[in-house]
Amino acid sequence: MSIKNIEIDVGFLPKNHNRLLGLDILMNYHFIVDMSKLELYPAKQ
């Protein structure tokens, strides 16, 4: 899945951070976060 034409805000993160994805994006595009498997996937609609 790819998302185009979306605004992002870039700020400073500690060096040990690998990734940051905002809850607003996850909710807008109806993503499911499976913490037990550490997976991210779109909800079936």
PDB file of N, CA and C in Angstrom:
ATOM      1  N   MET A   1       0.849  -1.173   0.000  1.00  0.00           N
ATOM      2  CA  MET A   1       0.000   0.000   0.000  1.00  0.00           C
ATOM      3  C   MET A   1       0.890   1.230   0.000  1.00  0.00           C
ATOM      4  N   SER A   2       0.498   2.226  -0.743  1.00  0.00           N
ATOM      5  CA  SER A   2       1.221   3.488  -0.685  1.00  0.00           C
ATOM      6  C   SER A   2       0.221   4.623  -0.539  1.00  0.00           C
ATOM      7  N   ILE A   3       0.654   5.671   0.125  1.00  0.00           N
ATOM      8  CA  ILE A   3      -0.173   6.856   0.360  1.00  0.00           C
ATOM      9  C   ILE A   3       0.540   8.021  -0.308  1.00  0.00           C
ATOM     10  N   LYS A   4      -0.175   8.763  -1.139  1.00  0.00           N
ATOM     11  CA  LYS A   4       0.420   9.887  -1.850  1.00  0.00           C
ATOM     12  C   LYS A   4      -0.209  11.200  -1.397  1.00  0.00           C
ATOM     13  N   ASN A   5       0.540  12.260  -1.570  1.00  0.00           N
ATOM     14  CA  ASN A   5       0.071  13.624  -1.277  1.00  0.00           C
ATOM     15  C   ASN A   5      -0.408  13.777   0.163  1.00  0.00           C
ATOM     16  N   ILE A   6       0.428  13.419   1.097  1.00  0.00           N
ATOM     17  CA  ILE A   6       0.077  13.571   2.503  1.00  0.00           C
ATOM     18  C   ILE A   6       1.110  14.493   3.153  1.00  0.00           C
ATOM     19  N   GLU A   7       0.641  15.360   4.027  1.00  0.00           N
ATOM     20  CA  GLU A   7       1.546  16.282   4.715  1.00  0.00           C
ATOM     21  C   GLU A   7       2.198  15.566   5.880  1.00  0.00           C
ATOM     22  N   ILE A   8       3.492  15.830   6.080  1.00  0.00           N
ATOM     23  CA  ILE A   8       4.198  15.284   7.227  1.00  0.00           C
ATOM     24  C   ILE A   8       4.896  16.408   7.967  1.00  0.00           C
ATOM     25  N   ASP A   9       5.138  16.178   9.237  1.00  0.00           N
ATOM     26  CA  ASP A   9       5.845  17.134  10.072  1.00  0.00           C
ATOM     27  C   ASP A   9       7.146  16.473  10.503  1.00  0.00           C
ATOM     28  N   VAL A  10       8.251  17.068  10.162  1.00  0.00           N
ATOM     29  CA  VAL A  10       9.549  16.500  10.499  1.00  0.00           C
ATOM     30  C   VAL A  10      10.128  17.265  11.679  1.00  0.00           C
ATOM     31  N   GLY A  11      10.480  16.522  12.699  1.00  0.00           N
ATOM     32  CA  GLY A  11      11.064  17.133  13.883  1.00  0.00           C
ATOM     33  C   GLY A  11      12.301  16.367  14.308  1.00  0.00           C
ATOM     34  N   PHE A  12      12.795  16.655  15.475  1.00  0.00           N
ATOM     35  CA  PHE A  12      13.992  15.991  15.976  1.00  0.00           C
ATOM     36  C   PHE A  12      13.589  14.831  16.869  1.00  0.00           C
ATOM     37  N   LEU A  13      14.207  13.668  16.633  1.00  0.00           N
ATOM     38  CA  LEU A  13      13.974  12.478  17.438  1.00  0.00           C
ATOM     39  C   LEU A  13      15.302  12.009  18.022  1.00  0.00           C
ATOM     40  N   PRO A  14      15.232  11.300  19.147  1.00  0.00           N
ATOM     41  CA  PRO A  14      16.476  10.742  19.693  1.00  0.00           C
ATOM     42  C   PRO A  14      17.126   9.794  18.682  1.00  0.00           C
ATOM     43  N   LYS A  15      18.440   9.634  18.763  1.00  0.00           N
ATOM     44  CA  LYS A  15      19.176   8.801  17.813  1.00  0.00           C
ATOM     45  C   LYS A  15      18.698   7.352  17.797  1.00  0.00           C
ATOM     46  N   ASN A  16      18.162   6.849  18.906  1.00  0.00           N
ATOM     47  CA  ASN A  16      17.753   5.443  18.962  1.00  0.00           C
ATOM     48  C   ASN A  16      16.367   5.194  18.357  1.00  0.00           C
ATOM     49  N   HIS A  17      15.699   6.230  17.843  1.00  0.00           N
ATOM     50  CA  HIS A  17      14.409   6.046  17.177  1.00  0.00           C
ATOM     51  C   HIS A  17      14.632   5.618  15.732  1.00  0.00           C
ATOM     52  N   ASN A  18      13.959   4.559  15.313  1.00  0.00           N
ATOM     53  CA  ASN A  18      14.066   4.096  13.932  1.00  0.00           C
ATOM     54  C   ASN A  18      12.952   4.662  13.066  1.00  0.00           C
ATOM     55  N   ARG A  19      11.731   4.693  13.597  1.00  0.00           N
ATOM     56  CA  ARG A  19      10.572   5.119  12.796  1.00  0.00           C
ATOM     57  C   ARG A  19       9.547   5.831  13.682  1.00  0.00           C
ATOM     58  N   LEU A  20       8.750   6.664  13.039  1.00  0.00           N
ATOM     59  CA  LEU A  20       7.660   7.330  13.732  1.00  0.00           C
ATOM     60  C   LEU A  20       6.520   7.509  12.745  1.00  0.00           C
ATOM     61  N   LEU A  21       5.358   6.976  13.078  1.00  0.00           N
ATOM     62  CA  LEU A  21       4.173   7.094  12.235  1.00  0.00           C
ATOM     63  C   LEU A  21       3.047   7.594  13.122  1.00  0.00           C
ATOM     64  N   GLY A  22       2.442   8.709  12.737  1.00  0.00           N
ATOM     65  CA  GLY A  22       1.439   9.340  13.579  1.00  0.00           C
ATOM     66  C   GLY A  22       0.119   8.592  13.639  1.00  0.00           C
ATOM     67  N   LEU A  23      -0.519   8.680  14.787  1.00  0.00           N
ATOM     68  CA  LEU A  23      -1.824   8.054  14.979  1.00  0.00           C
ATOM     69  C   LEU A  23      -2.854   8.622  14.009  1.00  0.00           C
ATOM     70  N   ASP A  24      -2.710   9.895  13.630  1.00  0.00           N
ATOM     71  CA  ASP A  24      -3.653  10.484  12.670  1.00  0.00           C
ATOM     72  C   ASP A  24      -3.612   9.756  11.331  1.00  0.00           C
ATOM     73  N   ILE A  25      -2.442   9.366  10.871  1.00  0.00           N
ATOM     74  CA  ILE A  25      -2.326   8.617   9.612  1.00  0.00           C
ATOM     75  C   ILE A  25      -2.904   7.217   9.785  1.00  0.00           C
ATOM     76  N   LEU A  26      -2.580   6.564  10.889  1.00  0.00           N
ATOM     77  CA  LEU A  26      -3.093   5.215  11.144  1.00  0.00           C
ATOM     78  C   LEU A  26      -4.618   5.202  11.175  1.00  0.00           C
ATOM     79  N   MET A  27      -5.215   6.189  11.806  1.00  0.00           N
ATOM     80  CA  MET A  27      -6.673   6.248  11.918  1.00  0.00           C
ATOM     81  C   MET A  27      -7.318   6.654  10.591  1.00  0.00           C
ATOM     82  N   ASN A  28      -6.750   7.646   9.911  1.00  0.00           N
ATOM     83  CA  ASN A  28      -7.312   8.112   8.637  1.00  0.00           C
ATOM     84  C   ASN A  28      -7.406   7.007   7.606  1.00  0.00           C
ATOM     85  N   TYR A  29      -6.383   6.166   7.557  1.00  0.00           N
ATOM     86  CA  TYR A  29      -6.320   5.121   6.538  1.00  0.00           C
ATOM     87  C   TYR A  29      -6.698   3.754   7.085  1.00  0.00           C
ATOM     88  N   HIS A  30      -7.212   3.712   8.308  1.00  0.00           N
ATOM     89  CA  HIS A  30      -7.748   2.497   8.935  1.00  0.00           C
ATOM     90  C   HIS A  30      -6.733   1.359   8.993  1.00  0.00           C
ATOM     91  N   PHE A  31      -5.549   1.666   9.503  1.00  0.00           N
ATOM     92  CA  PHE A  31      -4.529   0.646   9.669  1.00  0.00           C
ATOM     93  C   PHE A  31      -4.766  -0.139  10.947  1.00  0.00           C
ATOM     94  N   ILE A  32      -4.354  -1.388  10.940  1.00  0.00           N
ATOM     95  CA  ILE A  32      -4.361  -2.252  12.115  1.00  0.00           C
ATOM     96  C   ILE A  32      -2.913  -2.410  12.553  1.00  0.00           C
ATOM     97  N   VAL A  33      -2.667  -2.253  13.837  1.00  0.00           N
ATOM     98  CA  VAL A  33      -1.330  -2.455  14.388  1.00  0.00           C
ATOM     99  C   VAL A  33      -1.384  -3.699  15.254  1.00  0.00           C
ATOM    100  N   ASP A  34      -0.694  -4.746  14.834  1.00  0.00           N
ATOM    101  CA  ASP A  34      -0.626  -5.995  15.594  1.00  0.00           C
ATOM    102  C   ASP A  34       0.670  -5.978  16.395  1.00  0.00           C
ATOM    103  N   MET A  35       0.564  -5.622  17.660  1.00  0.00           N
ATOM    104  CA  MET A  35       1.752  -5.468  18.488  1.00  0.00           C
ATOM    105  C   MET A  35       2.396  -6.809  18.830  1.00  0.00           C
ATOM    106  N   SER A  36       1.627  -7.878  18.884  1.00  0.00           N
ATOM    107  CA  SER A  36       2.220  -9.183  19.198  1.00  0.00           C
ATOM    108  C   SER A  36       3.098  -9.686  18.055  1.00  0.00           C
ATOM    109  N   LYS A  37       2.747  -9.316  16.815  1.00  0.00           N
ATOM    110  CA  LYS A  37       3.536  -9.723  15.644  1.00  0.00           C
ATOM    111  C   LYS A  37       4.414  -8.583  15.115  1.00  0.00           C
ATOM    112  N   LEU A  38       4.250  -7.392  15.685  1.00  0.00           N
ATOM    113  CA  LEU A  38       4.931  -6.189  15.213  1.00  0.00           C
ATOM    114  C   LEU A  38       4.693  -5.978  13.722  1.00  0.00           C
ATOM    115  N   GLU A  39       3.401  -6.011  13.341  1.00  0.00           N
ATOM    116  CA  GLU A  39       2.995  -5.838  11.951  1.00  0.00           C
ATOM    117  C   GLU A  39       1.991  -4.710  11.821  1.00  0.00           C
ATOM    118  N   LEU A  40       1.993  -4.076  10.671  1.00  0.00           N
ATOM    119  CA  LEU A  40       1.076  -2.992  10.336  1.00  0.00           C
ATOM    120  C   LEU A  40       0.424  -3.356   9.010  1.00  0.00           C
ATOM    121  N   TYR A  41      -0.910  -3.335   8.976  1.00  0.00           N
ATOM    122  CA  TYR A  41      -1.599  -3.655   7.724  1.00  0.00           C
ATOM    123  C   TYR A  41      -2.925  -2.905   7.658  1.00  0.00           C
ATOM    124  N   PRO A  42      -3.440  -2.699   6.442  1.00  0.00           N
ATOM    125  CA  PRO A  42      -4.722  -1.972   6.301  1.00  0.00           C
ATOM    126  C   PRO A  42      -5.886  -2.860   6.737  1.00  0.00           C
ATOM    127  N   ALA A  43      -6.904  -2.239   7.311  1.00  0.00           N
ATOM    128  CA  ALA A  43      -8.114  -2.968   7.694  1.00  0.00           C
ATOM    129  C   ALA A  43      -8.865  -3.383   6.442  1.00  0.00           C
ATOM    130  N   LYS A  44      -9.498  -4.527   6.494  1.00  0.00           N
ATOM    131  CA  LYS A  44     -10.309  -4.983   5.363  1.00  0.00           C
ATOM    132  C   LYS A  44     -11.604  -4.196   5.361  1.00  0.00           C
ATOM    133  N   GLN A  45     -11.942  -3.663   4.188  1.00  0.00           N
ATOM    134  CA  GLN A  45     -13.169  -2.848   4.094  1.00  0.00           C
ATOM    135  C   GLN A  45     -14.064  -3.393   3.024  1.00  0.00           C
TER     136      GLN A  45
END
